[in-house]
Amino acid sequence: MTVFNGLNIWPRLSATAIIANLLFSAPILIYAQDSERETDQATQLATIDFVVGNAVFILLHEFGHVVIRDFDIPILGLEENAADTLAAIGLILADENQSERQPRLSEYLAMAVLGNLLIWQTGIEKSSNEILFWAQHEVSVRRATRLVCLLYGSDTREFGWLAEAVEMPESRRDVCEDEFTIARNAAEKVLATFGKSVEDNPELERTEIEVKYGRPRNPTQARLLEVIQETQLMETVAKRIRNRWVLPDSVTLRVRSCPSANAYWDEDYRELIFCLELLEALEKIGSGPEVQRLKANFAKARD
């Protein structure tokens, strides 16, 4: 399989720049008018799109672990796949409650698709038997193609371009609508059984989800930390969780430096750890030349 034929999917996702503008209030938008600075601005916006989309999906994935463990939800298969499903279906279904003027939340999934494919293309997983064969996560290319199938299955007309971009074979396309229906039914049953809408039930006490920030280790981390603090990205995701789930105990969402680029749920301490090293890694991947080629190639495809 040629993964993302020429990596040409990005510009279809330009609406995510609207999200970046709203969230990352915009010193990057005040540059002047010459073409060189416009190019620099476009590069920064593309990188922000990438970092925001992947960070939101990762956060929802980790909150998926919180829900699975707190409510002892029965799962068949890997817990990591179940957490992916909860995060993916949550973003797709959130679009149904939004006006057309708002950015498509499901586009965050496409950012996560791209992130996983770029990780796969580094070759790190291919060269490690421990990751390739024994990791609890699916290898990144498998995670990416499953997310594509869920997106395509949710709306074959809206996301037909995505199936084309990844050269998804007809044999898989034929089952994506069914795959999405199964995933949607499962996620909705989990929500109906264990979820509580605090907005619909104001008498319910919201779960305390406290966001805490650690000290950055280097100037890059300090800059990224300042951005996410100013934009309230972590607080916004925490608020969404608080409005949909009444958890048995409080949760701390802690953003800090770690030994490696990672995000994980620490069940013993009830802390969701999001490492600044992960933001650094996302920014590095998202600022590569592939991202700009994606924008250019897909712009041609849309013309």
Protein backbone atom coordinates (compact mmCIF):
# COMPACT_ATOMS: atom_id res chain seq x y z
CA MET A 1 0.00 0.00 0.00
CA THR A 2 1.26 3.45 -0.83
CA VAL A 3 0.48 5.37 2.33
CA PHE A 4 -1.14 8.68 1.47
CA ASN A 5 -0.06 8.76 -2.14
CA GLY A 6 2.47 11.56 -2.02
CA LEU A 7 1.10 12.58 1.39
CA ASN A 8 -1.44 14.75 -0.36
CA ILE A 9 -4.32 15.06 2.07
CA TRP A 10 -3.55 18.18 4.10
CA PRO A 11 -5.20 21.15 2.36
CA ARG A 12 -8.66 19.59 2.56
CA LEU A 13 -8.33 20.33 6.27
CA SER A 14 -7.78 24.06 6.02
CA ALA A 15 -10.91 24.73 8.10
CA THR A 16 -8.87 23.63 11.08
CA ALA A 17 -6.93 26.88 10.69
CA ILE A 18 -10.13 28.55 11.91
CA ILE A 19 -9.81 26.55 15.11
CA ALA A 20 -6.17 27.55 15.38
CA ASN A 21 -7.14 31.20 15.00
CA LEU A 22 -9.74 30.90 17.74
CA LEU A 23 -7.61 28.89 20.14
CA PHE A 24 -4.18 30.31 19.53
CA SER A 25 -5.14 33.94 19.48
CA ALA A 26 -2.75 35.19 17.12
CA PRO A 27 0.54 36.77 17.32
CA ILE A 28 1.24 34.71 14.21
CA LEU A 29 -1.42 36.66 12.32
CA ILE A 30 0.11 40.11 12.70
CA TYR A 31 3.00 39.65 10.30
CA ALA A 32 3.15 42.03 7.41
CA GLN A 33 2.24 41.61 3.87
CA ASP A 34 5.14 40.42 1.81
CA SER A 35 5.01 36.95 0.31
CA GLU A 36 7.87 35.61 2.39
CA ARG A 37 6.09 36.46 5.61
CA GLU A 38 2.80 35.13 4.25
CA THR A 39 4.58 31.85 3.54
CA ASP A 40 5.99 31.85 7.06
CA GLN A 41 2.53 32.50 8.45
CA ALA A 42 1.08 29.62 6.42
CA THR A 43 3.80 27.32 7.73
CA GLN A 44 3.05 28.27 11.32
CA LEU A 45 -0.70 27.85 10.83
CA ALA A 46 -0.18 24.41 9.33
CA THR A 47 1.98 23.40 12.27
CA ILE A 48 -0.61 24.70 14.74
CA ASP A 49 -3.35 22.79 12.89
CA PHE A 50 -1.31 19.64 13.25
CA VAL A 51 -0.38 20.09 16.91
CA VAL A 52 -3.93 21.05 17.96
CA GLY A 53 -5.60 18.18 16.13
CA ASN A 54 -3.24 15.54 17.45
CA ALA A 55 -3.23 16.93 21.00
CA VAL A 56 -7.04 16.94 21.21
CA PHE A 57 -7.30 13.39 19.89
CA ILE A 58 -4.62 12.17 22.30
CA LEU A 59 -6.38 13.83 25.24
CA LEU A 60 -9.71 12.24 24.32
CA HIS A 61 -7.99 8.88 23.86
CA GLU A 62 -6.55 9.10 27.37
CA PHE A 63 -9.91 10.14 28.81
CA GLY A 64 -11.23 7.03 27.08
CA HIS A 65 -8.97 5.02 29.38
CA VAL A 66 -10.36 6.94 32.35
CA VAL A 67 -13.93 6.04 31.40
CA ILE A 68 -13.10 2.39 30.66
CA ARG A 69 -11.32 1.91 33.99
CA ASP A 70 -13.63 3.98 36.19
CA PHE A 71 -16.77 2.20 35.02
CA ASP A 72 -15.16 -1.20 34.43
CA ILE A 73 -16.57 -1.22 30.92
CA PRO A 74 -16.31 -4.69 29.35
CA ILE A 75 -14.23 -4.66 26.19
CA LEU A 76 -13.26 -7.32 23.70
CA GLY A 77 -9.82 -6.78 22.26
CA LEU A 78 -7.16 -4.26 23.16
CA GLU A 79 -8.06 -1.44 25.53
CA GLU A 80 -6.01 0.91 23.36
CA ASN A 81 -8.29 0.24 20.39
CA ALA A 82 -11.36 0.84 22.56
CA ALA A 83 -9.94 4.20 23.71
CA ASP A 84 -9.28 5.14 20.09
CA THR A 85 -12.88 4.27 19.24
CA LEU A 86 -14.33 6.39 22.04
CA ALA A 87 -12.18 9.36 21.03
CA ALA A 88 -12.88 9.01 17.31
CA ILE A 89 -16.63 8.48 17.57
CA GLY A 90 -16.88 11.29 20.11
CA LEU A 91 -15.33 13.74 17.65
CA ILE A 92 -17.38 12.52 14.70
CA LEU A 93 -20.68 12.68 16.57
CA ALA A 94 -19.88 16.09 18.03
CA ASP A 95 -20.22 17.47 14.51
CA GLU A 96 -23.89 16.52 14.48
CA ASN A 97 -24.56 19.04 17.25
CA GLN A 98 -22.68 21.90 15.64
CA SER A 99 -23.80 24.54 13.19
CA GLU A 100 -22.27 24.49 9.73
CA ARG A 101 -20.47 27.73 10.55
CA GLN A 102 -18.34 25.99 13.15
CA PRO A 103 -15.17 24.08 12.23
CA ARG A 104 -15.57 20.34 11.71
CA LEU A 105 -14.37 18.59 14.86
CA SER A 106 -13.98 15.37 12.87
CA GLU A 107 -11.09 17.05 11.07
CA TYR A 108 -9.08 16.55 14.24
CA LEU A 109 -9.19 12.86 13.36
CA ALA A 110 -7.61 13.55 10.00
CA MET A 111 -4.82 15.35 11.83
CA ALA A 112 -4.35 12.28 13.99
CA VAL A 113 -4.33 10.14 10.83
CA LEU A 114 -1.56 12.26 9.40
CA GLY A 115 0.39 12.20 12.65
CA ASN A 116 0.30 8.42 12.84
CA LEU A 117 1.34 8.05 9.21
CA LEU A 118 4.28 10.39 9.64
CA ILE A 119 5.36 8.43 12.72
CA TRP A 120 5.17 5.22 10.69
CA GLN A 121 7.26 6.74 7.93
CA THR A 122 10.10 7.49 10.34
CA GLY A 123 10.72 3.74 10.43
CA ILE A 124 11.08 3.65 14.22
CA GLU A 125 8.33 1.06 14.64
CA LYS A 126 9.45 -1.06 11.72
CA SER A 127 12.93 -1.40 13.20
CA SER A 128 11.75 -2.40 16.69
CA ASN A 129 10.38 -5.89 17.18
CA GLU A 130 9.19 -4.88 20.64
CA ILE A 131 7.00 -2.14 19.17
CA LEU A 132 6.07 -3.95 15.98
CA PHE A 133 4.93 -7.19 17.58
CA TRP A 134 4.44 -6.69 21.31
CA ALA A 135 3.19 -3.17 21.97
CA GLN A 136 -0.36 -2.78 23.31
CA HIS A 137 -0.98 -0.03 20.78
CA GLU A 138 -1.51 -1.01 17.19
CA VAL A 139 1.36 0.19 15.04
CA SER A 140 0.71 3.73 13.91
CA VAL A 141 -0.14 2.89 10.31
CA ARG A 142 -2.86 0.49 11.48
CA ARG A 143 -4.27 3.12 13.83
CA ALA A 144 -4.27 5.62 10.97
CA THR A 145 -6.09 3.36 8.51
CA ARG A 146 -8.73 2.45 11.08
CA LEU A 147 -9.42 6.13 11.77
CA VAL A 148 -9.75 6.69 8.03
CA CYS A 149 -12.27 3.85 7.83
CA LEU A 150 -14.34 5.33 10.66
CA LEU A 151 -14.32 8.75 9.03
CA TYR A 152 -15.19 7.36 5.61
CA GLY A 153 -17.86 5.10 7.08
CA SER A 154 -19.47 8.04 8.87
CA ASP A 155 -20.01 9.92 5.60
CA THR A 156 -18.80 8.32 2.38
CA ARG A 157 -19.50 11.46 0.35
CA GLU A 158 -17.82 13.87 2.74
CA PHE A 159 -14.72 11.72 3.23
CA GLY A 160 -14.47 9.96 -0.11
CA TRP A 161 -11.43 12.11 -0.86
CA LEU A 162 -9.73 10.67 2.19
CA ALA A 163 -10.27 7.08 1.07
CA GLU A 164 -8.81 8.03 -2.29
CA ALA A 165 -5.81 9.74 -0.71
CA VAL A 166 -4.82 6.66 1.27
CA GLU A 167 -5.63 4.36 -1.65
CA MET A 168 -8.04 2.40 0.49
CA PRO A 169 -9.00 -0.77 -1.43
CA GLU A 170 -12.62 -1.32 -2.35
CA SER A 171 -12.74 -4.43 -0.18
CA ARG A 172 -12.15 -2.27 2.91
CA ARG A 173 -14.32 0.61 1.77
CA ASP A 174 -17.23 -1.79 1.45
CA VAL A 175 -17.16 -2.55 5.18
CA CYS A 176 -16.39 0.92 6.57
CA GLU A 177 -20.03 1.98 6.93
CA ASP A 178 -20.72 -1.20 8.88
CA GLU A 179 -17.55 -0.71 10.93
CA PHE A 180 -18.61 2.83 11.78
CA THR A 181 -22.15 1.71 12.71
CA ILE A 182 -20.79 -0.94 15.08
CA ALA A 183 -18.40 1.58 16.67
CA ARG A 184 -21.10 4.24 16.93
CA ASN A 185 -23.60 1.84 18.53
CA ALA A 186 -20.99 0.72 21.05
CA ALA A 187 -19.94 4.28 21.95
CA GLU A 188 -23.54 5.45 22.26
CA LYS A 189 -24.39 2.48 24.48
CA VAL A 190 -21.41 3.28 26.71
CA LEU A 191 -22.54 6.89 26.92
CA ALA A 192 -26.18 5.98 27.58
CA THR A 193 -25.19 3.46 30.25
CA PHE A 194 -22.39 5.28 32.05
CA GLY A 195 -22.44 8.87 30.83
CA LYS A 196 -24.41 11.65 32.46
CA SER A 197 -25.09 14.98 30.82
CA VAL A 198 -24.61 17.55 33.54
CA GLU A 199 -26.10 20.13 31.20
CA ASP A 200 -29.34 18.11 31.01
CA ASN A 201 -29.23 17.19 34.70
CA PRO A 202 -28.14 20.33 36.57
CA GLU A 203 -28.70 18.61 39.92
CA LEU A 204 -25.69 16.37 39.25
CA GLU A 205 -22.41 17.42 40.76
CA ARG A 206 -19.70 17.88 38.15
CA THR A 207 -16.54 15.85 38.50
CA GLU A 208 -13.58 17.97 39.50
CA ILE A 209 -10.96 17.91 36.75
CA GLU A 210 -8.08 20.13 37.78
CA VAL A 211 -5.52 21.22 35.22
CA LYS A 212 -1.99 21.69 36.55
CA TYR A 213 1.14 22.81 34.73
CA GLY A 214 4.69 21.82 35.52
CA ARG A 215 7.93 23.67 34.89
CA PRO A 216 9.31 23.44 31.32
CA ARG A 217 12.81 22.16 30.74
CA ASN A 218 13.82 24.31 27.79
CA PRO A 219 12.74 27.40 25.83
CA THR A 220 10.74 25.38 23.30
CA GLN A 221 8.70 23.76 26.06
CA ALA A 222 8.25 27.16 27.71
CA ARG A 223 6.87 28.61 24.48
CA LEU A 224 4.51 25.68 23.89
CA LEU A 225 3.38 25.75 27.50
CA GLU A 226 2.59 29.45 27.26
CA VAL A 227 0.54 28.84 24.13
CA ILE A 228 -1.63 26.09 25.60
CA GLN A 229 -2.10 28.03 28.84
CA GLU A 230 -3.19 31.16 27.02
CA THR A 231 -5.56 29.27 24.75
CA GLN A 232 -7.06 27.15 27.56
CA LEU A 233 -6.83 24.07 25.34
CA MET A 234 -6.52 21.65 28.25
CA GLU A 235 -9.27 23.38 30.22
CA THR A 236 -11.62 23.25 27.23
CA VAL A 237 -11.20 19.50 26.81
CA ALA A 238 -11.59 18.99 30.57
CA LYS A 239 -14.84 20.98 30.52
CA ARG A 240 -16.25 18.79 27.75
CA ILE A 241 -15.48 15.68 29.79
CA ARG A 242 -17.03 17.17 32.93
CA ASN A 243 -20.23 17.91 31.03
CA ARG A 244 -20.62 14.36 29.72
CA TRP A 245 -19.33 12.11 32.49
CA VAL A 246 -19.80 12.04 36.25
CA LEU A 247 -16.72 10.11 37.32
CA PRO A 248 -16.45 8.38 40.70
CA ASP A 249 -13.58 10.60 41.81
CA SER A 250 -11.71 13.74 40.78
CA VAL A 251 -9.05 13.78 38.06
CA THR A 252 -5.91 15.85 37.61
CA LEU A 253 -4.82 16.72 34.09
CA ARG A 254 -1.13 17.43 34.54
CA VAL A 255 0.99 18.97 31.78
CA ARG A 256 4.67 18.54 32.58
CA SER A 257 8.08 17.42 31.41
CA CYS A 258 8.70 13.67 31.24
CA PRO A 259 11.54 11.32 30.35
CA SER A 260 9.98 10.81 26.89
CA ALA A 261 7.26 12.10 24.56
CA ASN A 262 4.17 10.48 26.04
CA ALA A 263 0.66 10.85 27.40
CA TYR A 264 -0.91 8.35 29.79
CA TRP A 265 -3.51 7.74 32.50
CA ASP A 266 -2.04 6.99 35.93
CA GLU A 267 -4.89 5.13 37.57
CA ASP A 268 -3.25 4.93 41.01
CA TYR A 269 -2.83 8.70 41.33
CA ARG A 270 -5.82 9.57 39.11
CA GLU A 271 -3.63 11.77 36.96
CA LEU A 272 -3.75 12.14 33.21
CA ILE A 273 -0.21 13.07 32.25
CA PHE A 274 0.42 15.01 29.05
CA CYS A 275 4.13 15.47 28.46
CA LEU A 276 5.59 18.66 27.08
CA GLU A 277 7.99 16.45 25.15
CA LEU A 278 4.97 15.17 23.22
CA LEU A 279 4.05 18.71 22.19
CA GLU A 280 7.66 19.23 21.10
CA ALA A 281 7.55 16.06 19.03
CA LEU A 282 4.24 17.02 17.41
CA GLU A 283 5.56 20.46 16.53
CA LYS A 284 8.70 18.95 15.03
CA ILE A 285 6.77 16.44 12.93
CA GLY A 286 4.19 19.02 11.91
CA SER A 287 6.75 21.59 10.79
CA GLY A 288 8.45 19.32 8.28
CA PRO A 289 8.34 19.80 4.52
CA GLU A 290 5.75 17.02 4.15
CA VAL A 291 3.09 19.22 5.71
CA GLN A 292 3.60 22.02 3.21
CA ARG A 293 3.56 19.55 0.32
CA LEU A 294 0.26 18.23 1.65
CA LYS A 295 -1.27 21.68 1.47
CA ALA A 296 -0.02 22.34 -2.04
CA ASN A 297 -0.90 18.92 -3.46
CA PHE A 298 -4.40 18.82 -2.07
CA ALA A 299 -5.12 22.39 -3.12
CA LYS A 300 -4.51 21.19 -6.68
CA ALA A 301 -6.83 18.22 -6.12
CA ARG A 302 -9.62 20.54 -5.00
CA ASP A 303 -9.35 22.87 -8.01
